[in-house]
């Protein structure tokens, strides 16, 4: 799977946008990208 908006916000450490998408419940927080990483992996690497 390609990266989702959650992946991108996590990578860029855009905390408010990231948390807003998570809170909306409309995005799969467990989605893995081609490297097998979830959005949370990227958000915690910062």
N, C-alpha and C. Protein backbone atom coordinates (compact mmCIF):
# COMPACT_ATOMS: atom_id res chain seq x y z
N UNK A 1 0.85 -1.18 0.00
CA UNK A 1 0.00 0.00 0.00
C UNK A 1 0.89 1.25 0.00
N UNK A 2 0.46 2.23 -0.70
CA UNK A 2 1.18 3.50 -0.72
C UNK A 2 0.94 4.25 0.60
N UNK A 3 1.66 5.31 0.78
CA UNK A 3 1.50 6.10 2.01
C UNK A 3 0.19 6.87 1.98
N UNK A 4 -0.43 6.94 3.13
CA UNK A 4 -1.70 7.65 3.30
C UNK A 4 -1.42 9.05 3.84
N UNK A 5 -2.44 9.91 3.90
CA UNK A 5 -2.24 11.22 4.53
C UNK A 5 -1.72 11.09 5.96
N UNK A 6 -2.16 10.06 6.68
CA UNK A 6 -1.65 9.85 8.04
C UNK A 6 -0.15 9.60 8.03
N UNK A 7 0.32 8.80 7.08
CA UNK A 7 1.76 8.55 6.96
C UNK A 7 2.49 9.87 6.73
N UNK A 8 1.97 10.67 5.81
CA UNK A 8 2.66 11.91 5.45
C UNK A 8 2.71 12.89 6.62
N UNK A 9 1.59 13.06 7.33
CA UNK A 9 1.59 13.97 8.48
C UNK A 9 2.50 13.44 9.57
N UNK A 10 2.56 12.13 9.75
CA UNK A 10 3.46 11.56 10.73
C UNK A 10 4.91 11.79 10.37
N UNK A 11 5.24 11.65 9.08
CA UNK A 11 6.61 11.86 8.62
C UNK A 11 7.04 13.31 8.78
N UNK A 12 6.12 14.22 8.56
CA UNK A 12 6.44 15.65 8.63
C UNK A 12 6.23 16.21 10.03
N UNK A 13 5.84 15.37 10.96
CA UNK A 13 5.55 15.73 12.34
C UNK A 13 4.58 16.91 12.41
N UNK A 14 3.50 16.77 11.67
CA UNK A 14 2.42 17.76 11.71
C UNK A 14 1.38 17.24 12.70
N UNK A 15 1.68 17.43 13.97
CA UNK A 15 0.95 16.82 15.07
C UNK A 15 -0.55 17.12 15.04
N UNK A 16 -0.92 18.37 14.88
CA UNK A 16 -2.34 18.72 14.93
C UNK A 16 -3.13 18.06 13.80
N UNK A 17 -2.57 18.08 12.59
CA UNK A 17 -3.25 17.45 11.46
C UNK A 17 -3.32 15.94 11.66
N UNK A 18 -2.22 15.36 12.13
CA UNK A 18 -2.17 13.93 12.37
C UNK A 18 -3.24 13.51 13.37
N UNK A 19 -3.28 14.20 14.51
CA UNK A 19 -4.26 13.86 15.55
C UNK A 19 -5.69 14.09 15.09
N UNK A 20 -5.90 15.12 14.26
CA UNK A 20 -7.23 15.37 13.72
C UNK A 20 -7.71 14.23 12.84
N UNK A 21 -6.82 13.70 12.00
CA UNK A 21 -7.20 12.57 11.15
C UNK A 21 -7.45 11.32 11.97
N UNK A 22 -6.63 11.10 12.98
CA UNK A 22 -6.83 9.93 13.84
C UNK A 22 -8.17 10.04 14.56
N UNK A 23 -8.45 11.21 15.11
CA UNK A 23 -9.69 11.42 15.87
C UNK A 23 -10.93 11.30 14.99
N UNK A 24 -10.80 11.60 13.70
CA UNK A 24 -11.96 11.53 12.82
C UNK A 24 -12.47 10.10 12.65
N UNK A 25 -11.59 9.13 12.86
CA UNK A 25 -11.98 7.73 12.71
C UNK A 25 -12.16 7.29 11.27
N UNK A 26 -11.82 8.15 10.33
CA UNK A 26 -12.02 7.85 8.91
C UNK A 26 -10.79 7.25 8.24
N UNK A 27 -9.70 7.14 8.98
CA UNK A 27 -8.45 6.66 8.39
C UNK A 27 -7.96 5.43 9.14
N UNK A 28 -7.36 4.53 8.41
CA UNK A 28 -6.84 3.29 8.99
C UNK A 28 -5.49 3.56 9.64
N UNK A 29 -5.47 3.61 10.96
CA UNK A 29 -4.22 3.90 11.67
C UNK A 29 -3.25 2.73 11.61
N UNK A 30 -3.72 1.57 11.17
CA UNK A 30 -2.86 0.39 11.07
C UNK A 30 -2.38 0.13 9.64
N UNK A 31 -2.68 1.04 8.72
CA UNK A 31 -2.26 0.86 7.33
C UNK A 31 -0.74 0.86 7.25
N UNK A 32 -0.21 -0.11 6.52
CA UNK A 32 1.24 -0.20 6.34
C UNK A 32 1.60 0.28 4.95
N UNK A 33 2.71 1.02 4.87
CA UNK A 33 3.19 1.46 3.56
C UNK A 33 4.07 0.35 2.96
N UNK A 34 4.73 0.64 1.86
CA UNK A 34 5.54 -0.37 1.19
C UNK A 34 6.72 -0.84 2.04
N UNK A 35 7.11 -0.04 3.04
CA UNK A 35 8.19 -0.43 3.95
C UNK A 35 7.67 -1.17 5.17
N UNK A 36 6.36 -1.38 5.24
CA UNK A 36 5.75 -2.08 6.36
C UNK A 36 5.54 -1.22 7.59
N UNK A 37 5.66 0.09 7.43
CA UNK A 37 5.51 1.01 8.56
C UNK A 37 4.11 1.59 8.61
N UNK A 38 3.62 1.77 9.82
CA UNK A 38 2.32 2.42 10.03
C UNK A 38 2.56 3.91 10.26
N UNK A 39 1.51 4.72 10.21
CA UNK A 39 1.68 6.14 10.49
C UNK A 39 2.31 6.41 11.85
N UNK A 40 1.98 5.58 12.84
CA UNK A 40 2.55 5.78 14.17
C UNK A 40 4.06 5.57 14.18
N UNK A 41 4.56 4.65 13.36
CA UNK A 41 6.01 4.47 13.26
C UNK A 41 6.68 5.78 12.89
N UNK A 42 6.13 6.45 11.89
CA UNK A 42 6.73 7.71 11.44
C UNK A 42 6.57 8.81 12.47
N UNK A 43 5.40 8.88 13.09
CA UNK A 43 5.15 9.93 14.07
C UNK A 43 6.08 9.82 15.27
N UNK A 44 6.48 8.61 15.63
CA UNK A 44 7.33 8.43 16.81
C UNK A 44 8.81 8.48 16.49
N UNK A 45 9.18 8.54 15.22
CA UNK A 45 10.59 8.63 14.85
C UNK A 45 11.15 10.02 15.05
N UNK A 46 10.29 10.99 15.22
CA UNK A 46 10.74 12.38 15.35
C UNK A 46 11.39 12.63 16.68
